[in-house]
Protein backbone atom coordinates (compact mmCIF):
# COMPACT_ATOMS: atom_id res chain seq x y z
CA UNK A 1 0.14 -0.07 -0.04
CA UNK A 2 1.53 3.28 -1.10
CA UNK A 3 2.36 6.41 0.82
CA UNK A 4 -0.31 8.04 -1.34
CA UNK A 5 -2.99 6.64 0.81
CA UNK A 6 -2.30 9.64 3.02
CA UNK A 7 -4.16 11.97 0.41
CA UNK A 8 -7.40 10.55 1.83
CA UNK A 9 -7.08 11.77 5.41
CA UNK A 10 -10.84 11.65 6.17
CA UNK A 11 -11.54 8.38 5.39
CA UNK A 12 -13.21 6.19 8.14
CA UNK A 13 -13.21 2.91 6.37
CA UNK A 14 -10.60 1.28 4.32
CA UNK A 15 -11.40 -2.10 2.75
CA UNK A 16 -8.12 -3.62 1.10
CA UNK A 17 -9.07 -7.39 0.82
CA UNK A 18 -7.75 -10.01 -1.24
CA UNK A 19 -4.74 -8.12 -2.68
CA UNK A 20 -1.49 -9.98 -1.96
CA UNK A 21 -0.51 -6.84 0.26
CA UNK A 22 3.14 -7.45 1.77
CA UNK A 23 3.64 -4.13 3.01
CA UNK A 24 1.96 -0.71 4.10
CA UNK A 25 3.68 2.56 3.91
CA UNK A 26 4.06 4.16 7.23
CA UNK A 27 1.84 7.03 5.69
CA UNK A 28 -1.18 5.09 6.93
CA UNK A 29 -0.75 6.53 10.13
CA UNK A 30 -2.12 9.81 8.73
CA UNK A 31 -5.65 8.26 8.35
CA UNK A 32 -6.76 9.29 12.14
CA UNK A 33 -10.47 9.16 11.50
CA UNK A 34 -10.26 5.42 10.25
CA UNK A 35 -12.73 3.18 12.18
CA UNK A 36 -12.87 0.36 10.34
CA UNK A 37 -9.68 -1.13 8.38
CA UNK A 38 -9.86 -4.72 6.51
CA UNK A 39 -6.93 -6.28 5.30
CA UNK A 40 -8.35 -9.82 5.10
CA UNK A 41 -6.51 -12.42 2.78
CA UNK A 42 -3.26 -10.57 2.20
CA UNK A 43 0.38 -11.72 2.70
CA UNK A 44 1.02 -9.64 5.64
CA UNK A 45 3.77 -11.34 7.79
CA UNK A 46 3.52 -8.43 10.82
CA UNK A 47 1.28 -5.69 11.39
CA UNK A 48 2.79 -2.70 10.14
CA UNK A 49 3.90 0.19 12.71
CA UNK A 50 1.49 2.74 10.85
CA UNK A 51 -1.37 0.57 11.53
CA UNK A 52 -0.42 0.34 15.25
CA UNK A 53 -0.91 4.33 15.15
CA UNK A 54 -4.33 4.19 14.21
CA UNK A 55 -5.73 5.08 17.60
CA UNK A 56 -9.82 5.76 16.37
CA UNK A 57 -9.85 2.04 15.16
CA UNK A 58 -13.08 0.14 16.19
CA UNK A 59 -12.61 -2.92 14.14
CA UNK A 60 -9.62 -4.54 12.22
CA UNK A 61 -9.92 -7.54 10.08
CA UNK A 62 -6.57 -9.24 9.99
CA UNK A 63 -7.89 -12.77 8.73
CA UNK A 64 -5.84 -14.86 6.49
CA UNK A 65 -2.49 -13.30 6.40
CA UNK A 66 0.79 -14.59 7.69
CA UNK A 67 1.26 -12.61 10.79
CA UNK A 68 3.12 -14.39 13.46
CA UNK A 69 3.32 -12.05 16.33
CA UNK A 70 1.27 -8.65 17.48
CA UNK A 71 3.45 -6.34 19.46
CA UNK A 72 2.47 -4.51 22.75
CA UNK A 73 1.49 -1.71 20.49
CA UNK A 74 -1.59 -3.15 20.21
CA UNK A 75 -2.45 -1.04 23.31
CA UNK A 76 -2.57 1.95 20.99
CA UNK A 77 -5.92 0.62 19.60
CA UNK A 78 -8.06 1.73 22.81
CA UNK A 79 -11.25 2.35 20.77
CA UNK A 80 -10.99 -1.12 19.53
CA UNK A 81 -14.20 -3.27 19.70
CA UNK A 82 -13.69 -6.20 17.31
CA UNK A 83 -10.17 -7.89 16.60
CA UNK A 84 -9.83 -10.29 13.76
CA UNK A 85 -6.52 -12.20 13.57
CA UNK A 86 -7.68 -15.76 13.04
CA UNK A 87 -6.03 -17.75 10.16
CA UNK A 88 -2.57 -16.26 10.88
CA UNK A 89 0.41 -17.80 12.31
CA UNK A 90 0.44 -16.24 16.03
CA UNK A 91 2.19 -18.09 18.37
CA UNK A 92 0.92 -15.98 21.46
CA UNK A 93 -0.93 -12.76 21.87
CA UNK A 94 0.29 -9.75 23.87
CA UNK A 95 -0.84 -9.25 27.52
CA UNK A 96 -1.34 -5.38 26.88
CA UNK A 97 -4.63 -6.93 24.79
CA UNK A 98 -6.08 -6.36 28.46
CA UNK A 99 -5.70 -2.69 28.15
CA UNK A 100 -8.33 -2.49 25.18
CA UNK A 101 -11.14 -1.90 27.39
CA UNK A 102 -13.68 -1.79 24.84
CA UNK A 103 -13.09 -4.92 23.17
CA UNK A 104 -16.11 -7.11 22.91
CA UNK A 105 -15.22 -9.39 20.23
CA UNK A 106 -11.89 -11.40 19.48
CA UNK A 107 -11.37 -14.03 16.77
CA UNK A 108 -7.93 -15.65 17.16
CA UNK A 109 -8.77 -19.16 15.93
CA UNK A 110 -6.57 -21.20 13.49
CA UNK A 111 -3.25 -19.91 14.76
CA UNK A 112 -0.22 -21.84 16.67
CA UNK A 113 -1.32 -20.57 20.03
CA UNK A 114 -0.84 -22.66 22.88
CA UNK A 115 -2.67 -20.55 25.20
CA UNK A 116 -4.61 -17.34 25.99
CA UNK A 117 -3.36 -14.66 28.20
CA UNK A 118 -4.70 -14.80 31.64
CA UNK A 119 -5.33 -10.94 31.45
CA UNK A 120 -8.29 -11.29 29.15
CA UNK A 121 -10.40 -11.89 32.00
CA UNK A 122 -9.87 -8.17 32.89
CA UNK A 123 -11.90 -7.34 29.73
CA UNK A 124 -15.24 -6.78 31.21
CA UNK A 125 -16.94 -6.21 27.83
CA UNK A 126 -15.52 -9.03 26.09
CA UNK A 127 -18.85 -11.24 24.67
CA UNK A 128 -17.05 -13.16 21.89
CA UNK A 129 -13.79 -15.13 22.34
CA UNK A 130 -12.92 -17.44 19.60
CA UNK A 131 -9.16 -18.75 20.27
CA UNK A 132 -9.34 -22.46 19.48
CA UNK A 133 -5.97 -23.71 17.90
CA UNK A 134 -5.30 -26.89 16.67
CA UNK A 135 -2.15 -26.54 18.49
CA UNK A 136 -3.28 -26.44 21.83
CA UNK A 137 -4.70 -29.47 23.69
CA UNK A 138 -7.85 -29.03 25.33
CA UNK A 139 -8.63 -25.69 24.08
CA UNK A 140 -12.47 -24.44 23.41
CA UNK A 141 -13.65 -21.88 21.40
């Protein structure tokens, strides 16, 4: 995704599904009005730094990428209500997820997760948690 994305600062929805995106320019951070970002079915291996700086996000869809980790910068998404990270290569979820007080849906199944952070219990608004992994024994969705 090129730097020219910054030419659209008032976007509040951006849907870039099925595009084989492998990197996103840091200029995406200038989209401070964005509430919905869908990068479904691309080829991202990490969440780009500029995406972590989108503090107004309410929904982010990262389904079907090749992401193997989320950084503690996920705590910047304080307005996030729905996080879709299923069908990636995540080994763990950061403990800083617990600072996302508005999170009410988390879809993290079909990854390489062996456990879910205990801090998720602090999320009082969490209504949907799908974290089943084929790698974890005895895990339920």
